[in-house]
Amino acid sequence: MTGILIAIEGNDGAGKTSLCSKLVDYFNKGEIQARNIKFNMSEVTLDAIKKGKEKKYSPALNHYLHLSSLIDQVDTYASEELQKGSIVVCDRYAYTLIARGLARGLNQTVLEKSVSILPKPDLTFLLDISPERGLERRKLKENEPLTYWEAGVDITKNTKYEESFLTFQGDVRRNFLNYRNDPNFFVIDADDSFETVFNNVISKVKDKLK
């Protein structure tokens, strides 16, 4: 049995990380093993991404470092797990690279060609939420203030982070939705309860497993 590669996409505040964790826990309690891959957590690129953020790297370098992070994790973990029949859940994947890259002014053709090196996910779930609602949720993390990068200050040049967040995340959301007709791409209303979102995703994954 070949495994399933699942991509969880969406703008900030949509609940991607929480959903990924619950999906992996759910499947690991059953007969199918699952593993989570996180967008920027490759050991090879982690330090470079941190230094790039400190030095305010260019949109292109931002893109290619995060792409390299995914390539490394796919090569190191995902390919083997998929061959064993496991489920691999990606906390952000190729569409995030495209949506954010477009919002930062990169060329769409170049972006799409660059991410084609990654294996295509069997299922992609876009957790769709308005920037306003995403900001409300994000502000609930009292000990984690908005960052320069998630607010897109590098592009908007607006140092009022909340205003910048709404502008940048709005652009990112529109870019995601432009791909909603792609094969195996499902838009999930992330403003629903977490339980509803989880059940909607699990239902489609089980259909794929049949």
Protein backbone atom coordinates (compact mmCIF):
# COMPACT_ATOMS: atom_id res chain seq x y z
CA MET A 1 0.00 0.00 0.00
CA THR A 2 1.30 3.43 -0.95
CA GLY A 3 0.89 6.17 1.63
CA ILE A 4 -0.95 9.45 1.28
CA LEU A 5 0.59 12.91 1.21
CA ILE A 6 -1.72 15.55 2.68
CA ALA A 7 -1.07 19.29 2.50
CA ILE A 8 -2.75 21.64 4.95
CA GLU A 9 -2.65 25.19 3.60
CA GLY A 10 -4.10 28.54 4.64
CA ASN A 11 -3.27 32.03 5.79
CA ASP A 12 -2.18 32.78 9.34
CA GLY A 13 -4.77 32.24 12.04
CA ALA A 14 -6.59 29.50 10.12
CA GLY A 15 -5.64 26.70 12.54
CA LYS A 16 -3.26 24.71 10.33
CA THR A 17 -0.82 23.56 13.00
CA SER A 18 -3.57 22.46 15.41
CA LEU A 19 -5.28 20.49 12.65
CA CYS A 20 -2.05 18.82 11.55
CA SER A 21 -1.28 17.71 15.10
CA LYS A 22 -4.76 16.28 15.60
CA LEU A 23 -4.68 14.44 12.27
CA VAL A 24 -1.35 12.80 13.08
CA ASP A 25 -2.54 11.81 16.58
CA TYR A 26 -5.79 10.42 15.16
CA PHE A 27 -4.11 8.15 12.63
CA ASN A 28 -1.32 7.03 14.96
CA LYS A 29 -3.96 5.74 17.36
CA GLY A 30 -5.33 3.53 14.59
CA GLU A 31 -3.83 1.07 12.13
CA ILE A 32 -2.14 3.65 9.89
CA GLN A 33 1.03 5.44 10.93
CA ALA A 34 1.30 9.17 10.31
CA ARG A 35 4.02 11.79 10.39
CA ASN A 36 3.95 15.59 10.39
CA ILE A 37 6.24 17.75 8.25
CA LYS A 38 6.56 21.41 9.20
CA PHE A 39 7.15 24.14 6.66
CA ASN A 40 10.47 25.57 7.85
CA MET A 41 11.84 22.95 10.21
CA SER A 42 14.49 21.23 8.10
CA GLU A 43 17.71 20.89 10.08
CA VAL A 44 19.60 21.80 6.91
CA THR A 45 17.93 25.18 6.37
CA LEU A 46 16.68 26.16 9.83
CA ASP A 47 19.66 28.34 10.76
CA ALA A 48 19.76 29.92 7.31
CA ILE A 49 16.06 30.87 7.54
CA LYS A 50 16.60 32.39 10.97
CA LYS A 51 19.58 34.41 9.75
CA GLY A 52 17.68 35.43 6.65
CA LYS A 53 14.84 36.80 8.74
CA GLU A 54 17.28 38.72 10.91
CA LYS A 55 18.88 40.27 7.83
CA LYS A 56 15.50 40.78 6.14
CA TYR A 57 16.19 38.54 3.18
CA SER A 58 14.73 39.16 -0.27
CA PRO A 59 11.42 37.57 -1.37
CA ALA A 60 13.34 35.27 -3.71
CA LEU A 61 15.72 34.03 -1.01
CA ASN A 62 12.79 33.65 1.38
CA HIS A 63 11.04 31.47 -1.18
CA TYR A 64 13.98 29.26 -2.08
CA LEU A 65 15.08 28.65 1.50
CA HIS A 66 11.59 27.48 2.44
CA LEU A 67 11.39 25.39 -0.72
CA SER A 68 14.74 23.82 0.21
CA SER A 69 13.36 23.07 3.67
CA LEU A 70 10.47 21.13 2.15
CA ILE A 71 12.70 19.31 -0.33
CA ASP A 72 15.00 18.16 2.47
CA GLN A 73 12.14 16.93 4.65
CA VAL A 74 10.50 15.12 1.74
CA ASP A 75 13.80 13.43 0.87
CA THR A 76 14.70 12.64 4.47
CA TYR A 77 11.35 11.59 5.92
CA ALA A 78 8.34 11.73 3.65
CA SER A 79 9.47 9.50 0.77
CA GLU A 80 10.35 6.62 3.09
CA GLU A 81 7.15 7.00 5.12
CA LEU A 82 5.00 7.05 1.97
CA GLN A 83 6.68 3.91 0.68
CA LYS A 84 5.83 2.21 3.98
CA GLY A 85 2.17 3.17 3.52
CA SER A 86 2.12 5.93 6.12
CA ILE A 87 0.21 9.19 5.96
CA VAL A 88 2.39 12.30 5.75
CA VAL A 89 0.72 15.53 6.84
CA CYS A 90 2.40 18.75 5.73
CA ASP A 91 1.87 21.85 7.85
CA ARG A 92 2.03 24.15 4.79
CA TYR A 93 3.35 22.99 1.45
CA ALA A 94 3.70 24.09 -2.17
CA TYR A 95 0.63 26.33 -2.34
CA THR A 96 1.90 28.35 0.62
CA LEU A 97 5.14 28.97 -1.26
CA ILE A 98 3.18 30.14 -4.30
CA ALA A 99 0.61 32.24 -2.42
CA ARG A 100 3.20 34.03 -0.31
CA GLY A 101 5.61 34.39 -3.21
CA LEU A 102 2.94 36.05 -5.34
CA ALA A 103 2.05 38.37 -2.47
CA ARG A 104 5.73 39.34 -2.37
CA GLY A 105 5.83 40.11 -6.07
CA LEU A 106 7.51 37.00 -7.46
CA ASN A 107 6.65 35.67 -10.90
CA GLN A 108 3.84 33.11 -10.97
CA THR A 109 5.37 30.94 -13.70
CA VAL A 110 8.71 30.82 -11.89
CA LEU A 111 7.01 29.95 -8.60
CA GLU A 112 4.91 27.18 -10.09
CA LYS A 113 7.90 25.69 -11.91
CA SER A 114 10.09 25.81 -8.80
CA VAL A 115 7.60 23.90 -6.61
CA SER A 116 7.08 21.25 -9.30
CA ILE A 117 10.16 19.52 -7.87
CA LEU A 118 8.04 18.55 -4.86
CA PRO A 119 5.81 15.46 -5.07
CA LYS A 120 2.20 16.44 -5.63
CA PRO A 121 0.00 15.92 -2.58
CA ASP A 122 -2.80 13.38 -2.83
CA LEU A 123 -5.05 15.80 -0.96
CA THR A 124 -4.76 19.53 -0.32
CA PHE A 125 -6.97 21.26 2.22
CA LEU A 126 -7.13 25.04 2.23
CA LEU A 127 -8.32 26.28 5.62
CA ASP A 128 -9.99 29.43 4.38
CA ILE A 129 -10.49 32.32 6.78
CA SER A 130 -10.76 36.07 6.39
CA PRO A 131 -7.74 38.15 7.42
CA GLU A 132 -9.92 39.92 10.00
CA ARG A 133 -10.93 36.65 11.65
CA GLY A 134 -7.37 35.36 11.38
CA LEU A 135 -6.13 38.45 13.16
CA GLU A 136 -8.68 37.97 15.95
CA ARG A 137 -7.45 34.44 16.50
CA ARG A 138 -3.83 35.44 16.22
CA LYS A 139 -4.25 38.09 18.93
CA LEU A 140 -5.42 35.40 21.34
CA LYS A 141 -1.78 34.29 21.53
CA GLU A 142 -0.93 36.99 24.03
CA ASN A 143 2.68 35.88 24.47
CA GLU A 144 3.33 35.73 20.72
CA PRO A 145 3.00 39.18 19.14
CA LEU A 146 2.61 39.54 15.39
CA THR A 147 5.92 39.20 13.60
CA TYR A 148 7.41 41.31 10.84
CA TRP A 149 7.09 38.43 8.39
CA GLU A 150 3.56 37.19 9.03
CA ALA A 151 2.39 40.81 8.87
CA GLY A 152 4.16 41.20 5.52
CA VAL A 153 5.86 44.42 6.59
CA ASP A 154 8.70 43.64 4.19
CA ILE A 155 6.19 44.25 1.36
CA THR A 156 3.63 46.71 2.73
CA LYS A 157 6.25 48.87 4.51
CA ASN A 158 3.47 49.62 7.00
CA THR A 159 4.91 49.40 10.51
CA LYS A 160 1.42 49.25 12.00
CA TYR A 161 1.56 45.48 12.14
CA GLU A 162 -2.17 44.81 12.41
CA GLU A 163 -2.96 46.94 9.37
CA SER A 164 -0.11 45.34 7.46
CA PHE A 165 -1.30 41.87 8.48
CA LEU A 166 -4.76 42.51 7.03
CA THR A 167 -3.33 43.74 3.74
CA PHE A 168 -0.73 41.02 3.32
CA GLN A 169 -2.85 38.11 4.51
CA GLY A 170 -5.68 39.32 2.28
CA ASP A 171 -3.37 39.06 -0.72
CA VAL A 172 -2.19 35.61 0.37
CA ARG A 173 -5.77 34.41 0.77
CA ARG A 174 -6.76 35.59 -2.70
CA ASN A 175 -3.75 33.82 -4.15
CA PHE A 176 -4.72 30.56 -2.46
CA LEU A 177 -8.29 30.77 -3.70
CA ASN A 178 -7.14 31.21 -7.28
CA TYR A 179 -6.08 27.54 -7.15
CA ARG A 180 -9.34 26.22 -5.68
CA ASN A 181 -10.24 24.40 -8.91
CA ASP A 182 -7.04 22.35 -8.96
CA PRO A 183 -7.44 18.56 -8.68
CA ASN A 184 -7.78 17.18 -5.14
CA PHE A 185 -7.91 20.72 -3.71
CA PHE A 186 -10.59 21.24 -1.07
CA VAL A 187 -11.58 24.56 0.50
CA ILE A 188 -12.61 24.16 4.14
CA ASP A 189 -14.35 26.96 6.03
CA ALA A 190 -11.89 27.52 8.87
CA ASP A 191 -14.36 29.79 10.64
CA ASP A 192 -16.36 26.69 11.57
CA SER A 193 -15.65 25.01 14.89
CA PHE A 194 -12.40 23.08 15.09
CA GLU A 195 -14.39 19.85 15.46
CA THR A 196 -16.33 20.57 12.27
CA VAL A 197 -13.15 21.39 10.35
CA PHE A 198 -11.48 18.21 11.61
CA ASN A 199 -14.47 16.03 10.73
CA ASN A 200 -14.71 17.52 7.24
CA VAL A 201 -11.05 16.78 6.59
CA ILE A 202 -11.15 13.28 8.10
CA SER A 203 -14.16 12.40 5.97
CA LYS A 204 -12.33 13.24 2.75
CA VAL A 205 -9.17 11.44 3.87
CA LYS A 206 -11.17 8.29 4.62
CA ASP A 207 -12.77 8.51 1.18
CA LYS A 208 -9.27 8.57 -0.29
CA LEU A 209 -8.22 5.56 1.76
CA LYS A 210 -11.11 3.39 0.48
